[in-house]
N, C-alpha and C. Protein backbone atom coordinates (compact mmCIF):
# COMPACT_ATOMS: atom_id res chain seq x y z
N MET A 1 40.55 -140.40 71.87
CA MET A 1 41.30 -139.42 72.64
C MET A 1 40.41 -138.21 72.94
N ALA A 2 40.45 -137.76 74.16
CA ALA A 2 39.65 -136.60 74.58
C ALA A 2 40.40 -135.31 74.25
N ILE A 3 39.63 -134.30 73.90
CA ILE A 3 40.18 -132.98 73.55
C ILE A 3 39.59 -131.96 74.51
N LEU A 4 40.39 -131.00 74.92
CA LEU A 4 39.92 -129.94 75.81
C LEU A 4 38.76 -129.21 75.16
N GLN A 5 37.64 -129.11 75.87
CA GLN A 5 36.45 -128.44 75.35
C GLN A 5 36.25 -127.06 75.96
N LYS A 6 36.51 -126.95 77.28
CA LYS A 6 36.30 -125.65 77.91
C LYS A 6 37.12 -125.53 79.18
N VAL A 7 37.37 -124.29 79.54
CA VAL A 7 38.02 -123.94 80.80
C VAL A 7 37.10 -122.96 81.50
N GLU A 8 36.92 -123.17 82.80
CA GLU A 8 36.06 -122.29 83.58
C GLU A 8 36.85 -121.73 84.76
N ILE A 9 36.42 -120.59 85.26
CA ILE A 9 37.12 -119.90 86.33
C ILE A 9 36.11 -119.47 87.40
N SER A 10 36.55 -119.50 88.66
CA SER A 10 35.67 -119.14 89.77
C SER A 10 36.41 -118.23 90.75
N PHE A 11 35.68 -117.27 91.27
CA PHE A 11 36.23 -116.34 92.26
C PHE A 11 35.54 -116.48 93.62
N ASP A 12 34.62 -117.45 93.73
CA ASP A 12 33.86 -117.61 94.97
C ASP A 12 33.96 -119.02 95.54
N GLY A 13 35.13 -119.62 95.40
CA GLY A 13 35.35 -120.95 95.97
C GLY A 13 34.69 -122.08 95.21
N GLY A 14 34.29 -121.84 93.97
CA GLY A 14 33.69 -122.88 93.16
C GLY A 14 32.18 -122.92 93.20
N GLN A 15 31.54 -121.92 93.83
CA GLN A 15 30.08 -121.89 93.86
C GLN A 15 29.51 -121.54 92.49
N THR A 16 30.17 -120.62 91.79
CA THR A 16 29.78 -120.25 90.43
C THR A 16 31.01 -120.27 89.53
N TRP A 17 30.79 -120.54 88.24
CA TRP A 17 31.88 -120.65 87.28
C TRP A 17 31.57 -119.83 86.03
N ASP A 18 32.58 -119.13 85.51
CA ASP A 18 32.48 -118.40 84.24
C ASP A 18 33.34 -119.12 83.21
N THR A 19 32.87 -119.13 81.98
CA THR A 19 33.61 -119.79 80.90
C THR A 19 34.70 -118.87 80.37
N CYS A 20 35.88 -119.42 80.18
CA CYS A 20 37.02 -118.69 79.64
C CYS A 20 37.05 -118.85 78.12
N GLN A 21 37.83 -118.02 77.47
CA GLN A 21 37.97 -118.10 76.02
C GLN A 21 39.22 -118.92 75.68
N LEU A 22 39.03 -119.97 74.88
CA LEU A 22 40.18 -120.75 74.40
C LEU A 22 40.81 -119.97 73.26
N THR A 23 42.14 -119.84 73.28
CA THR A 23 42.80 -118.99 72.29
C THR A 23 43.76 -119.73 71.39
N SER A 24 43.83 -121.04 71.49
CA SER A 24 44.68 -121.82 70.59
C SER A 24 43.98 -123.12 70.24
N SER A 25 44.43 -123.76 69.19
CA SER A 25 43.79 -125.00 68.75
C SER A 25 44.09 -126.14 69.72
N SER A 26 43.22 -127.13 69.71
CA SER A 26 43.40 -128.30 70.57
C SER A 26 44.01 -129.44 69.76
N GLU A 27 45.27 -129.31 69.44
CA GLU A 27 45.96 -130.36 68.70
C GLU A 27 46.42 -131.44 69.66
N LYS A 28 46.60 -132.62 69.15
CA LYS A 28 47.01 -133.75 69.96
C LYS A 28 48.32 -133.44 70.70
N TYR A 29 48.32 -133.64 72.01
CA TYR A 29 49.49 -133.46 72.89
C TYR A 29 49.99 -132.02 72.98
N ALA A 30 49.19 -131.05 72.62
CA ALA A 30 49.63 -129.65 72.65
C ALA A 30 49.02 -128.91 73.84
N TRP A 31 49.72 -127.90 74.31
CA TRP A 31 49.17 -127.01 75.32
C TRP A 31 48.03 -126.23 74.67
N VAL A 32 47.02 -125.91 75.45
CA VAL A 32 45.92 -125.08 74.96
C VAL A 32 45.89 -123.82 75.80
N CYS A 33 46.02 -122.69 75.14
CA CYS A 33 46.01 -121.41 75.84
C CYS A 33 44.56 -120.93 76.00
N TRP A 34 44.33 -120.18 77.05
CA TRP A 34 43.01 -119.61 77.30
C TRP A 34 43.18 -118.29 78.02
N ASN A 35 42.13 -117.46 78.02
CA ASN A 35 42.19 -116.20 78.77
C ASN A 35 40.82 -115.85 79.32
N TYR A 36 40.86 -114.93 80.28
CA TYR A 36 39.65 -114.45 80.93
C TYR A 36 39.93 -113.03 81.39
N LYS A 37 39.10 -112.10 80.99
CA LYS A 37 39.29 -110.71 81.41
C LYS A 37 38.56 -110.50 82.74
N TRP A 38 39.34 -110.13 83.75
CA TRP A 38 38.79 -109.93 85.08
C TRP A 38 39.20 -108.56 85.58
N GLU A 39 38.25 -107.82 86.08
CA GLU A 39 38.54 -106.52 86.67
C GLU A 39 38.16 -106.59 88.15
N ALA A 40 39.18 -106.54 89.00
CA ALA A 40 38.93 -106.57 90.44
C ALA A 40 38.28 -105.25 90.84
N LEU A 41 37.15 -105.33 91.51
CA LEU A 41 36.41 -104.13 91.88
C LEU A 41 36.91 -103.48 93.16
N LYS A 42 37.66 -104.24 93.96
CA LYS A 42 38.21 -103.66 95.18
C LYS A 42 39.51 -104.34 95.54
N LYS A 43 40.31 -103.67 96.36
CA LYS A 43 41.58 -104.22 96.83
C LYS A 43 41.31 -105.40 97.75
N GLY A 44 42.27 -106.29 97.82
CA GLY A 44 42.14 -107.42 98.72
C GLY A 44 42.81 -108.66 98.17
N GLU A 45 42.65 -109.76 98.89
CA GLU A 45 43.21 -111.04 98.47
C GLU A 45 42.10 -111.91 97.90
N TYR A 46 42.41 -112.57 96.80
CA TYR A 46 41.44 -113.41 96.11
C TYR A 46 42.06 -114.78 95.86
N THR A 47 41.23 -115.81 95.89
CA THR A 47 41.64 -117.14 95.46
C THR A 47 40.88 -117.43 94.18
N ILE A 48 41.63 -117.72 93.12
CA ILE A 48 41.04 -117.98 91.81
C ILE A 48 41.18 -119.47 91.51
N LEU A 49 40.07 -120.09 91.14
CA LEU A 49 40.06 -121.51 90.78
C LEU A 49 39.84 -121.62 89.27
N SER A 50 40.51 -122.58 88.64
CA SER A 50 40.26 -122.85 87.22
C SER A 50 40.14 -124.36 87.04
N LYS A 51 39.24 -124.75 86.13
CA LYS A 51 39.05 -126.18 85.86
C LYS A 51 38.79 -126.37 84.36
N ALA A 52 39.15 -127.55 83.89
CA ALA A 52 38.98 -127.89 82.48
C ALA A 52 38.00 -129.05 82.33
N THR A 53 37.32 -129.06 81.19
CA THR A 53 36.41 -130.15 80.82
C THR A 53 36.82 -130.63 79.43
N ASP A 54 36.88 -131.96 79.24
CA ASP A 54 37.26 -132.48 77.93
C ASP A 54 36.06 -132.93 77.12
N SER A 55 36.31 -133.37 75.90
CA SER A 55 35.25 -133.76 74.97
C SER A 55 34.47 -135.00 75.40
N LYS A 56 34.99 -135.73 76.37
CA LYS A 56 34.27 -136.90 76.90
C LYS A 56 33.48 -136.56 78.16
N GLY A 57 33.49 -135.28 78.55
CA GLY A 57 32.75 -134.85 79.73
C GLY A 57 33.51 -134.98 81.03
N ASN A 58 34.79 -135.35 80.98
CA ASN A 58 35.60 -135.44 82.20
C ASN A 58 35.94 -134.04 82.69
N VAL A 59 35.73 -133.82 83.99
CA VAL A 59 36.01 -132.52 84.60
C VAL A 59 37.05 -132.72 85.69
N GLN A 60 37.98 -131.78 85.80
CA GLN A 60 38.99 -131.89 86.86
C GLN A 60 38.30 -131.93 88.22
N PRO A 61 38.76 -132.81 89.12
CA PRO A 61 38.15 -132.90 90.45
C PRO A 61 38.57 -131.72 91.34
N LEU A 62 37.74 -131.41 92.33
CA LEU A 62 38.04 -130.33 93.27
C LEU A 62 39.29 -130.66 94.09
N GLU A 63 39.41 -131.89 94.52
CA GLU A 63 40.55 -132.32 95.33
C GLU A 63 41.34 -133.38 94.55
N PRO A 64 42.67 -133.37 94.68
CA PRO A 64 43.48 -134.37 93.95
C PRO A 64 43.38 -135.75 94.59
N MET A 65 43.51 -136.76 93.76
CA MET A 65 43.60 -138.13 94.26
C MET A 65 45.07 -138.37 94.57
N TRP A 66 45.34 -139.13 95.64
CA TRP A 66 46.72 -139.41 95.99
C TRP A 66 47.35 -140.27 94.90
N ASN A 67 48.60 -139.95 94.57
CA ASN A 67 49.37 -140.79 93.66
C ASN A 67 50.84 -140.62 93.99
N ARG A 68 51.58 -141.66 93.83
CA ARG A 68 52.99 -141.67 94.20
C ARG A 68 53.75 -140.55 93.50
N LYS A 69 54.45 -139.75 94.26
CA LYS A 69 55.27 -138.63 93.80
C LYS A 69 54.48 -137.49 93.18
N GLY A 70 53.16 -137.58 93.10
CA GLY A 70 52.34 -136.48 92.60
C GLY A 70 52.35 -136.28 91.11
N TYR A 71 52.89 -137.20 90.35
CA TYR A 71 52.99 -137.03 88.90
C TYR A 71 51.63 -136.98 88.22
N GLY A 72 50.65 -137.63 88.80
CA GLY A 72 49.33 -137.68 88.19
C GLY A 72 48.39 -136.59 88.67
N TYR A 73 48.92 -135.52 89.25
CA TYR A 73 48.07 -134.44 89.78
C TYR A 73 47.19 -133.87 88.67
N ASN A 74 45.88 -133.83 88.94
CA ASN A 74 44.95 -133.34 87.93
C ASN A 74 43.78 -132.59 88.55
N ALA A 75 43.95 -132.03 89.72
CA ALA A 75 42.85 -131.35 90.39
C ALA A 75 42.69 -129.92 89.89
N ILE A 76 41.58 -129.32 90.26
CA ILE A 76 41.33 -127.91 89.95
C ILE A 76 42.49 -127.09 90.48
N ASP A 77 42.93 -126.13 89.67
CA ASP A 77 44.06 -125.28 90.05
C ASP A 77 43.58 -124.12 90.89
N ARG A 78 44.36 -123.76 91.91
CA ARG A 78 44.04 -122.63 92.80
C ARG A 78 45.26 -121.71 92.85
N ILE A 79 45.01 -120.43 92.65
CA ILE A 79 46.07 -119.45 92.85
C ILE A 79 45.53 -118.32 93.72
N LYS A 80 46.42 -117.73 94.50
CA LYS A 80 46.04 -116.60 95.33
C LYS A 80 46.70 -115.35 94.75
N VAL A 81 45.91 -114.27 94.66
CA VAL A 81 46.43 -112.99 94.18
C VAL A 81 46.08 -111.91 95.19
N LYS A 82 46.90 -110.89 95.22
CA LYS A 82 46.65 -109.76 96.11
C LYS A 82 46.56 -108.50 95.25
N ILE A 83 45.44 -107.82 95.33
CA ILE A 83 45.23 -106.57 94.59
C ILE A 83 45.46 -105.42 95.55
N GLU A 84 46.38 -104.55 95.18
CA GLU A 84 46.69 -103.39 96.05
C GLU A 84 46.31 -102.09 95.39
């Protein structure tokens, strides 16, 4: 069984990645919490990407693979934030 090893975050569309801090244990079938301290230097809209890597070296793909009803979605997560 693979265990979550690291979470990385990107603010430039995936060109560069920073490592996040894991804040909970990686127990079997458990959620793993993580955090990253980010200070936005200017106002504007940002797209933040996050990806995980497991103990077997598997990394979330940039784009999701098609699967019926989307239950198997495992792509890099993207969120948009607006700093005012």
